[in-house]
C-alpha atoms as a PDB file:
ATOM      1  CA  MET A   1     -76.063 -78.040  86.081  1.00  0.00           C
ATOM      2  CA  GLU A   2     -77.334 -81.488  85.241  1.00  0.00           C
ATOM      3  CA  TRP A   3     -78.500 -84.034  87.825  1.00  0.00           C
ATOM      4  CA  GLN A   4     -77.814 -87.702  87.172  1.00  0.00           C
ATOM      5  CA  GLU A   5     -78.711 -90.724  89.224  1.00  0.00           C
ATOM      6  CA  ALA A   6     -75.821 -93.169  89.632  1.00  0.00           C
ATOM      7  CA  ASP A   7     -74.322 -95.795  91.927  1.00  0.00           C
ATOM      8  CA  ALA A   8     -72.476 -93.753  94.572  1.00  0.00           C
ATOM      9  CA  GLU A   9     -69.821 -96.462  94.888  1.00  0.00           C
ATOM     10  CA  ALA A  10     -69.157 -96.745  91.133  1.00  0.00           C
ATOM     11  CA  LEU A  11     -69.772 -93.409  89.426  1.00  0.00           C
ATOM     12  CA  PRO A  12     -69.914 -93.647  85.606  1.00  0.00           C
ATOM     13  CA  PHE A  13     -67.456 -90.792  85.027  1.00  0.00           C
ATOM     14  CA  ALA A  14     -63.737 -90.533  84.306  1.00  0.00           C
ATOM     15  CA  ASP A  15     -61.258 -89.351  86.920  1.00  0.00           C
ATOM     16  CA  ASP A  16     -61.012 -85.563  87.435  1.00  0.00           C
ATOM     17  CA  THR A  17     -64.172 -84.854  85.384  1.00  0.00           C
ATOM     18  CA  PHE A  18     -65.929 -82.163  87.441  1.00  0.00           C
ATOM     19  CA  ASP A  19     -65.071 -78.869  89.135  1.00  0.00           C
ATOM     20  CA  THR A  20     -67.983 -79.362  91.554  1.00  0.00           C
ATOM     21  CA  VAL A  21     -69.469 -82.654  92.752  1.00  0.00           C
ATOM     22  CA  PRO A  22     -72.701 -82.344  94.767  1.00  0.00           C
ATOM     23  CA  SER A  23     -74.620 -85.127  96.495  1.00  0.00           C
ATOM     24  CA  CYS A  24     -78.017 -84.200  97.890  1.00  0.00           C
ATOM     25  CA  VAL A  25     -79.050 -86.845 100.430  1.00  0.00           C
ATOM     26  CA  GLY A  26     -77.560 -89.528  98.195  1.00  0.00           C
ATOM     27  CA  VAL A  27     -74.087 -90.746  99.053  1.00  0.00           C
ATOM     28  CA  MET A  28     -75.090 -90.964 102.721  1.00  0.00           C
ATOM     29  CA  PHE A  29     -77.171 -94.034 101.798  1.00  0.00           C
ATOM     30  CA  ALA A  30     -74.260 -95.892 100.173  1.00  0.00           C
ATOM     31  CA  PRO A  31     -73.628 -99.188 101.973  1.00  0.00           C
ATOM     32  CA  HIS A  32     -69.890 -98.440 102.147  1.00  0.00           C
ATOM     33  CA  HIS A  33     -69.352 -94.786 103.072  1.00  0.00           C
ATOM     34  CA  GLN A  34     -65.624 -94.814 102.363  1.00  0.00           C
ATOM     35  CA  ALA A  35     -66.179 -96.192  98.851  1.00  0.00           C
ATOM     36  CA  GLY A  36     -68.743 -93.473  98.177  1.00  0.00           C
ATOM     37  CA  ALA A  37     -66.412 -90.762  99.465  1.00  0.00           C
ATOM     38  CA  ASP A  38     -63.541 -92.151  97.389  1.00  0.00           C
ATOM     39  CA  GLU A  39     -65.706 -91.916  94.247  1.00  0.00           C
ATOM     40  CA  LEU A  40     -66.622 -88.279  94.921  1.00  0.00           C
ATOM     41  CA  VAL A  41     -62.939 -87.430  95.289  1.00  0.00           C
ATOM     42  CA  ARG A  42     -62.004 -89.468  92.205  1.00  0.00           C
ATOM     43  CA  VAL A  43     -64.368 -87.626  89.835  1.00  0.00           C
ATOM     44  CA  CYS A  44     -63.636 -84.161  91.287  1.00  0.00           C
ATOM     45  CA  ARG A  45     -60.783 -82.243  89.667  1.00  0.00           C
ATOM     46  CA  PRO A  46     -57.864 -81.277  91.920  1.00  0.00           C
ATOM     47  CA  GLY A  47     -58.823 -78.049  93.684  1.00  0.00           C
ATOM     48  CA  GLY A  48     -62.522 -78.676  92.989  1.00  0.00           C
ATOM     49  CA  THR A  49     -65.417 -78.645  95.437  1.00  0.00           C
ATOM     50  CA  ILE A  50     -67.448 -81.506  96.885  1.00  0.00           C
ATOM     51  CA  GLY A  51     -70.763 -80.495  98.439  1.00  0.00           C
ATOM     52  CA  LEU A  52     -72.953 -82.785 100.525  1.00  0.00           C
ATOM     53  CA  ILE A  53     -76.429 -82.417 101.961  1.00  0.00           C
ATOM     54  CA  SER A  54     -77.293 -85.034 104.555  1.00  0.00           C
ATOM     55  CA  TRP A  55     -78.861 -85.315 107.964  1.00  0.00           C
ATOM     56  CA  THR A  56     -77.765 -86.647 111.304  1.00  0.00           C
ATOM     57  CA  PRO A  57     -79.614 -89.111 113.545  1.00  0.00           C
ATOM     58  CA  ARG A  58     -80.656 -86.197 115.804  1.00  0.00           C
ATOM     59  CA  GLY A  59     -81.920 -84.194 112.826  1.00  0.00           C
ATOM     60  CA  SER A  60     -79.405 -81.370 113.128  1.00  0.00           C
ATOM     61  CA  SER A  61     -75.639 -81.145 113.143  1.00  0.00           C
ATOM     62  CA  ALA A  62     -75.686 -77.944 115.184  1.00  0.00           C
ATOM     63  CA  SER A  63     -77.200 -77.223 118.535  1.00  0.00           C
ATOM     64  CA  SER A  64     -80.129 -74.870 118.474  1.00  0.00           C
ATOM     65  CA  SER A  65     -81.164 -72.397 121.138  1.00  0.00           C
ATOM     66  CA  ARG A  66     -84.235 -70.788 119.644  1.00  0.00           C
ATOM     67  CA  PRO A  67     -86.149 -68.369 121.856  1.00  0.00           C
END
């Protein structure tokens, strides 16, 4: 795996380049979320996987009931 910094709304890769496209707390900061999502889909091969790590305003996307 190789990590590369790039503009989330204009990725410097050809269409259908990757089997897996991860974004770790990156694309969530793109000014135009739809454009960022479109780029992830564009560079991911058909049947590939897109993985995102982000956070929500509340800090968790799931409710927690810890004892």
